[in-house]
């Protein structure tokens, strides 16, 4: 899936047609972009851009969905995000080009700014939980069929589709599948009612950076309208955020009582995603959450 000379030549043609200006790609420098995609910094005659490449045959609409997600989050004005420029397919490879976000220097109130931005994002609401189209979290299909209640949405669009996949692939066994099914029946009594909130959807420490001017910049979204505790719980996985972030968020837009006890329930979805993608210790983490609630 590398960005070889043939690929880059065709990409420059597509970008030129899209932007109505001649684009010359001078260099494509490989950069660290996670475990899912190949990522590059493009040096062009029109500045620096960011390129993501994946298997266009296996995931034909992956970057089209991410393009929409970036547009949706940018439209709120809550966060600094990369500007989506172009997406498409070249020689069987899917690609997405966005603006290149330069890193900024840390500022003293960065975490308070982050909490303020996230609370602003979460105040964007909708009539139903879900989204107008399905999309992805990583390379896992994310179903967004609308439901009027969060517990039903979470069970039928988030947990149970992945539970079935995990069982079919021998990632989890039958007793664990049974525990997860029983837990889904308890969800209406676990979650307090809240209006649907626009979520980033994959808000862990690898999907943000300190951007220009010290402002929080987020990317790689898995957008939908959901329960806002999902975003907060995601920030507690894989290293977590600074404690100032949580205090500030709670001060600006307080969560319902008991949110700390519901963190594990909210983390089941990303843990199932990671168990499907990477296996290993994530299954044990799922088992630990289930032990608390069964």
Protein backbone atom coordinates (compact mmCIF):
# COMPACT_ATOMS: atom_id res chain seq x y z
CA UNK A 1 0.00 0.00 0.00
CA UNK A 2 2.98 2.33 -0.26
CA UNK A 3 2.80 5.76 -1.86
CA UNK A 4 5.10 4.91 -4.77
CA UNK A 5 5.89 7.15 -7.74
CA UNK A 6 2.99 5.87 -9.87
CA UNK A 7 0.54 6.40 -7.02
CA UNK A 8 1.81 9.91 -6.28
CA UNK A 9 1.67 10.90 -9.94
CA UNK A 10 -1.98 9.85 -10.18
CA UNK A 11 -2.72 11.52 -6.84
CA UNK A 12 -1.30 14.82 -8.12
CA UNK A 13 -3.59 14.55 -11.17
CA UNK A 14 -6.67 13.93 -9.01
CA UNK A 15 -5.77 16.73 -6.59
CA UNK A 16 -5.19 19.14 -9.48
CA UNK A 17 -8.60 18.33 -10.91
CA UNK A 18 -10.29 18.62 -7.51
CA UNK A 19 -8.70 21.95 -6.58
CA UNK A 20 -8.54 23.44 -10.10
CA UNK A 21 -4.87 24.26 -9.65
CA UNK A 22 -1.75 22.40 -10.75
CA UNK A 23 -0.48 20.30 -7.83
CA UNK A 24 3.10 19.08 -7.83
CA UNK A 25 4.01 16.58 -5.10
CA UNK A 26 7.68 17.14 -4.32
CA UNK A 27 8.04 14.56 -1.54
CA UNK A 28 5.98 12.04 0.43
CA UNK A 29 7.53 11.49 3.86
CA UNK A 30 6.26 8.55 5.91
CA UNK A 31 5.02 9.62 9.34
CA UNK A 32 3.67 7.79 12.36
CA UNK A 33 -0.10 7.46 12.02
CA UNK A 34 -1.18 4.48 14.12
CA UNK A 35 -1.77 0.82 13.33
CA UNK A 36 -4.60 1.12 10.80
CA UNK A 37 -3.37 3.22 7.86
CA UNK A 38 -0.16 4.18 6.11
CA UNK A 39 0.35 7.90 6.59
CA UNK A 40 2.49 10.49 4.87
CA UNK A 41 3.33 14.17 4.94
CA UNK A 42 3.04 15.54 1.41
CA UNK A 43 5.34 18.41 0.45
CA UNK A 44 3.70 20.17 -2.52
CA UNK A 45 3.86 23.46 -4.39
CA UNK A 46 0.67 24.42 -2.50
CA UNK A 47 2.01 23.62 0.97
CA UNK A 48 2.04 20.54 3.20
CA UNK A 49 -0.81 18.04 3.32
CA UNK A 50 -1.50 14.79 5.16
CA UNK A 51 -2.13 11.55 3.25
CA UNK A 52 -3.72 8.33 4.55
CA UNK A 53 -3.76 5.10 2.52
CA UNK A 54 -5.57 1.82 3.09
CA UNK A 55 -6.81 -1.21 1.17
CA UNK A 56 -9.47 0.18 -1.14
CA UNK A 57 -10.81 -3.27 -1.98
CA UNK A 58 -11.37 -4.36 1.62
CA UNK A 59 -12.60 -0.96 2.81
CA UNK A 60 -13.97 0.87 -0.25
CA UNK A 61 -15.85 3.58 1.68
CA UNK A 62 -13.58 3.93 4.74
CA UNK A 63 -12.21 7.36 3.85
CA UNK A 64 -15.49 8.67 2.44
CA UNK A 65 -16.99 8.11 5.89
CA UNK A 66 -14.02 9.74 7.63
CA UNK A 67 -14.29 12.71 5.25
CA UNK A 68 -17.91 13.19 6.33
CA UNK A 69 -16.99 12.80 9.99
CA UNK A 70 -14.34 15.50 9.77
CA UNK A 71 -16.76 17.83 8.00
CA UNK A 72 -19.41 17.21 10.66
CA UNK A 73 -17.09 17.97 13.57
CA UNK A 74 -15.58 21.00 11.85
CA UNK A 75 -19.04 22.45 11.25
CA UNK A 76 -19.60 22.79 15.02
CA UNK A 77 -16.58 25.05 15.54
CA UNK A 78 -15.86 23.24 18.81
CA UNK A 79 -12.41 21.91 17.90
CA UNK A 80 -9.53 22.53 15.57
CA UNK A 81 -9.54 19.65 13.07
CA UNK A 82 -7.72 18.84 9.83
CA UNK A 83 -9.58 20.16 6.80
CA UNK A 84 -10.63 17.27 4.53
CA UNK A 85 -9.40 17.98 1.00
CA UNK A 86 -10.00 14.92 -1.17
CA UNK A 87 -10.66 11.17 -1.00
CA UNK A 88 -10.80 8.44 -3.61
CA UNK A 89 -9.13 5.32 -5.01
CA UNK A 90 -5.90 4.79 -6.94
CA UNK A 91 -4.71 1.37 -8.11
CA UNK A 92 -6.81 -0.45 -5.52
CA UNK A 93 -5.74 1.81 -2.68
CA UNK A 94 -8.13 4.09 -0.87
CA UNK A 95 -6.78 7.50 0.12
CA UNK A 96 -7.69 10.58 2.10
CA UNK A 97 -5.89 13.92 1.88
CA UNK A 98 -6.35 16.54 4.59
CA UNK A 99 -4.56 19.67 5.69
CA UNK A 100 -1.39 18.98 7.68
CA UNK A 101 -1.70 20.04 11.32
CA UNK A 102 1.50 21.53 12.67
CA UNK A 103 2.24 20.83 16.33
CA UNK A 104 2.09 23.74 18.72
CA UNK A 105 3.64 24.41 22.11
CA UNK A 106 1.94 23.42 25.34
CA UNK A 107 0.01 26.11 27.23
CA UNK A 108 -0.97 26.11 30.90
CA UNK A 109 -4.72 25.84 30.32
CA UNK A 110 -4.59 23.26 27.52
CA UNK A 111 -6.68 20.67 29.40
CA UNK A 112 -9.26 23.24 30.42
CA UNK A 113 -9.51 24.32 26.77
CA UNK A 114 -9.92 20.69 25.75
CA UNK A 115 -12.75 20.17 28.26
CA UNK A 116 -14.46 23.35 27.10
CA UNK A 117 -14.23 22.28 23.45
CA UNK A 118 -15.57 18.80 24.18
CA UNK A 119 -18.49 20.16 26.19
CA UNK A 120 -19.29 22.51 23.30
CA UNK A 121 -19.24 19.57 20.89
CA UNK A 122 -21.50 17.53 23.17
CA UNK A 123 -24.13 20.29 23.29
CA UNK A 124 -24.86 19.59 19.61
CA UNK A 125 -27.87 17.30 19.74
CA UNK A 126 -30.26 15.37 17.51
CA UNK A 127 -33.72 13.80 17.67
CA UNK A 128 -32.30 10.25 17.80
CA UNK A 129 -29.15 8.40 18.78
CA UNK A 130 -27.20 7.37 15.69
CA UNK A 131 -26.14 9.09 12.48
CA UNK A 132 -27.48 9.42 8.94
CA UNK A 133 -25.05 6.76 7.68
CA UNK A 134 -22.91 3.93 8.96
CA UNK A 135 -19.19 4.54 9.33
CA UNK A 136 -16.12 2.98 10.94
CA UNK A 137 -14.15 2.88 14.15
CA UNK A 138 -10.69 1.84 13.01
CA UNK A 139 -11.56 -0.63 10.26
CA UNK A 140 -14.56 -2.07 12.14
CA UNK A 141 -17.97 -1.22 10.64
CA UNK A 142 -19.96 1.03 12.96
CA UNK A 143 -23.75 0.80 12.64
CA UNK A 144 -25.73 3.97 13.26
CA UNK A 145 -29.38 2.93 12.83
CA UNK A 146 -31.36 5.59 14.74
CA UNK A 147 -33.04 4.72 18.05
CA UNK A 148 -34.86 6.97 20.49
CA UNK A 149 -33.23 5.46 23.59
CA UNK A 150 -29.53 5.08 24.30
CA UNK A 151 -29.72 1.65 25.94
CA UNK A 152 -31.38 0.14 22.84
CA UNK A 153 -28.94 1.90 20.51
CA UNK A 154 -25.92 0.77 22.54
CA UNK A 155 -27.11 -2.84 22.65
CA UNK A 156 -28.18 -3.24 19.02
CA UNK A 157 -25.71 -0.95 17.20
CA UNK A 158 -22.61 -1.22 19.34
CA UNK A 159 -22.26 -4.23 21.63
CA UNK A 160 -24.20 -7.08 20.02
CA UNK A 161 -22.81 -6.75 16.45
CA UNK A 162 -19.27 -6.97 17.84
CA UNK A 163 -20.15 -9.72 20.31
CA UNK A 164 -21.36 -11.84 17.39
CA UNK A 165 -18.22 -11.10 15.35
CA UNK A 166 -15.98 -11.85 18.33
CA UNK A 167 -17.73 -15.17 18.97
CA UNK A 168 -17.69 -16.18 15.29
CA UNK A 169 -13.95 -15.48 15.15
CA UNK A 170 -13.27 -17.41 18.39
CA UNK A 171 -12.12 -14.22 20.15
CA UNK A 172 -14.61 -14.78 22.99
CA UNK A 173 -16.22 -18.01 24.18
CA UNK A 174 -19.89 -18.87 24.62
CA UNK A 175 -20.06 -18.09 28.37
CA UNK A 176 -18.65 -14.60 27.76
CA UNK A 177 -21.09 -14.05 24.91
CA UNK A 178 -23.91 -15.03 27.27
CA UNK A 179 -22.68 -12.57 29.90
CA UNK A 180 -22.59 -9.76 27.35
CA UNK A 181 -26.11 -10.60 26.17
CA UNK A 182 -27.38 -10.52 29.74
CA UNK A 183 -25.66 -7.21 30.37
CA UNK A 184 -27.44 -5.68 27.36
CA UNK A 185 -30.76 -6.48 29.01
CA UNK A 186 -29.68 -4.48 32.08
CA UNK A 187 -28.66 -1.34 30.16
CA UNK A 188 -31.99 0.54 30.59
CA UNK A 189 -31.52 0.41 34.35
CA UNK A 190 -27.84 1.39 34.17
CA UNK A 191 -27.79 4.53 32.02
CA UNK A 192 -29.56 7.76 32.97
CA UNK A 193 -31.58 9.38 30.22
CA UNK A 194 -29.78 12.14 28.31
CA UNK A 195 -30.34 13.83 24.96
CA UNK A 196 -28.16 12.50 22.10
CA UNK A 197 -24.82 14.30 21.99
CA UNK A 198 -22.53 14.65 18.98
CA UNK A 199 -19.50 12.49 19.78
CA UNK A 200 -15.98 12.27 18.39
CA UNK A 201 -16.44 8.54 18.87
CA UNK A 202 -12.79 7.46 19.12
CA UNK A 203 -11.38 9.97 21.58
CA UNK A 204 -8.26 8.37 23.00
CA UNK A 205 -4.82 9.89 23.56
CA UNK A 206 -3.59 8.90 20.09
CA UNK A 207 -6.28 10.96 18.36
CA UNK A 208 -5.44 14.43 19.60
CA UNK A 209 -2.45 16.76 19.63
CA UNK A 210 -1.45 20.21 20.81
CA UNK A 211 -2.16 22.27 17.72
CA UNK A 212 -1.25 25.79 16.61
CA UNK A 213 -1.50 28.31 19.42
CA UNK A 214 -1.60 25.54 21.98
CA UNK A 215 -5.19 24.63 21.10
CA UNK A 216 -6.45 21.04 21.25
CA UNK A 217 -6.66 19.45 17.80
CA UNK A 218 -8.55 16.17 17.25
CA UNK A 219 -8.70 13.82 14.28
CA UNK A 220 -9.58 10.23 13.22
CA UNK A 221 -13.23 10.51 14.32
CA UNK A 222 -15.92 7.83 14.44
CA UNK A 223 -18.79 10.32 14.59
CA UNK A 224 -22.34 9.67 15.80
CA UNK A 225 -24.93 11.05 18.23
CA UNK A 226 -24.61 9.04 21.41
CA UNK A 227 -24.36 9.21 25.19
CA UNK A 228 -21.59 11.68 26.04
CA UNK A 229 -20.20 9.38 28.72
CA UNK A 230 -18.88 7.29 25.81
CA UNK A 231 -16.36 9.97 24.83
CA UNK A 232 -15.35 10.53 28.46
CA UNK A 233 -14.88 6.80 29.06
CA UNK A 234 -12.80 6.48 25.90
CA UNK A 235 -10.41 9.15 27.19
CA UNK A 236 -9.70 6.90 30.18
CA UNK A 237 -8.37 4.06 28.03
CA UNK A 238 -4.79 3.61 26.77
CA UNK A 239 -3.08 6.12 29.02
CA UNK A 240 -5.91 8.51 29.82
CA UNK A 241 -6.05 12.29 29.93
CA UNK A 242 -4.77 14.67 32.58
CA UNK A 243 -7.01 14.90 35.66
CA UNK A 244 -7.48 18.64 35.01
CA UNK A 245 -9.50 17.71 31.93
CA UNK A 246 -12.08 15.74 33.93
CA UNK A 247 -12.44 18.36 36.66
CA UNK A 248 -12.91 21.08 34.06
CA UNK A 249 -15.48 19.09 32.04
CA UNK A 250 -17.46 18.27 35.16
CA UNK A 251 -17.45 21.94 36.13
CA UNK A 252 -18.58 23.11 32.67
CA UNK A 253 -21.10 20.38 31.75
CA UNK A 254 -21.66 18.05 34.74
CA UNK A 255 -22.27 14.37 34.13
CA UNK A 256 -25.08 12.49 35.86
CA UNK A 257 -24.35 10.92 39.23
CA UNK A 258 -22.61 7.56 39.04
CA UNK A 259 -20.76 8.23 35.79
CA UNK A 260 -17.54 6.85 37.27
CA UNK A 261 -19.25 3.50 37.90
CA UNK A 262 -20.45 3.39 34.28
CA UNK A 263 -16.98 3.91 32.75
CA UNK A 264 -16.38 0.18 32.34
CA UNK A 265 -19.75 -0.34 30.62
CA UNK A 266 -18.93 2.46 28.16
CA UNK A 267 -15.47 1.04 27.56
CA UNK A 268 -16.85 -2.35 26.52
CA UNK A 269 -17.41 -1.09 22.98
CA UNK A 270 -13.85 0.13 22.29
CA UNK A 271 -12.49 -2.93 24.12
CA UNK A 272 -14.48 -5.20 21.80
CA UNK A 273 -13.18 -3.22 18.82
CA UNK A 274 -9.59 -3.70 19.98
CA UNK A 275 -10.16 -7.37 20.78
CA UNK A 276 -11.33 -7.89 17.19
CA UNK A 277 -8.45 -5.90 15.71
CA UNK A 278 -5.62 -6.99 17.99
CA UNK A 279 -6.82 -9.73 20.36
CA UNK A 280 -4.57 -10.26 23.37
CA UNK A 281 -5.18 -8.59 26.71
CA UNK A 282 -8.32 -6.76 25.55
CA UNK A 283 -10.36 -9.92 26.09
CA UNK A 284 -9.21 -10.01 29.71
CA UNK A 285 -10.20 -6.36 30.12
CA UNK A 286 -13.70 -7.23 28.85
CA UNK A 287 -13.84 -10.11 31.32
CA UNK A 288 -12.96 -7.73 34.18
CA UNK A 289 -15.79 -5.35 33.27
CA UNK A 290 -18.26 -8.21 33.07
CA UNK A 291 -17.19 -9.46 36.49
CA UNK A 292 -18.28 -6.13 37.96
CA UNK A 293 -21.77 -6.26 36.42
CA UNK A 294 -22.73 -9.95 36.43
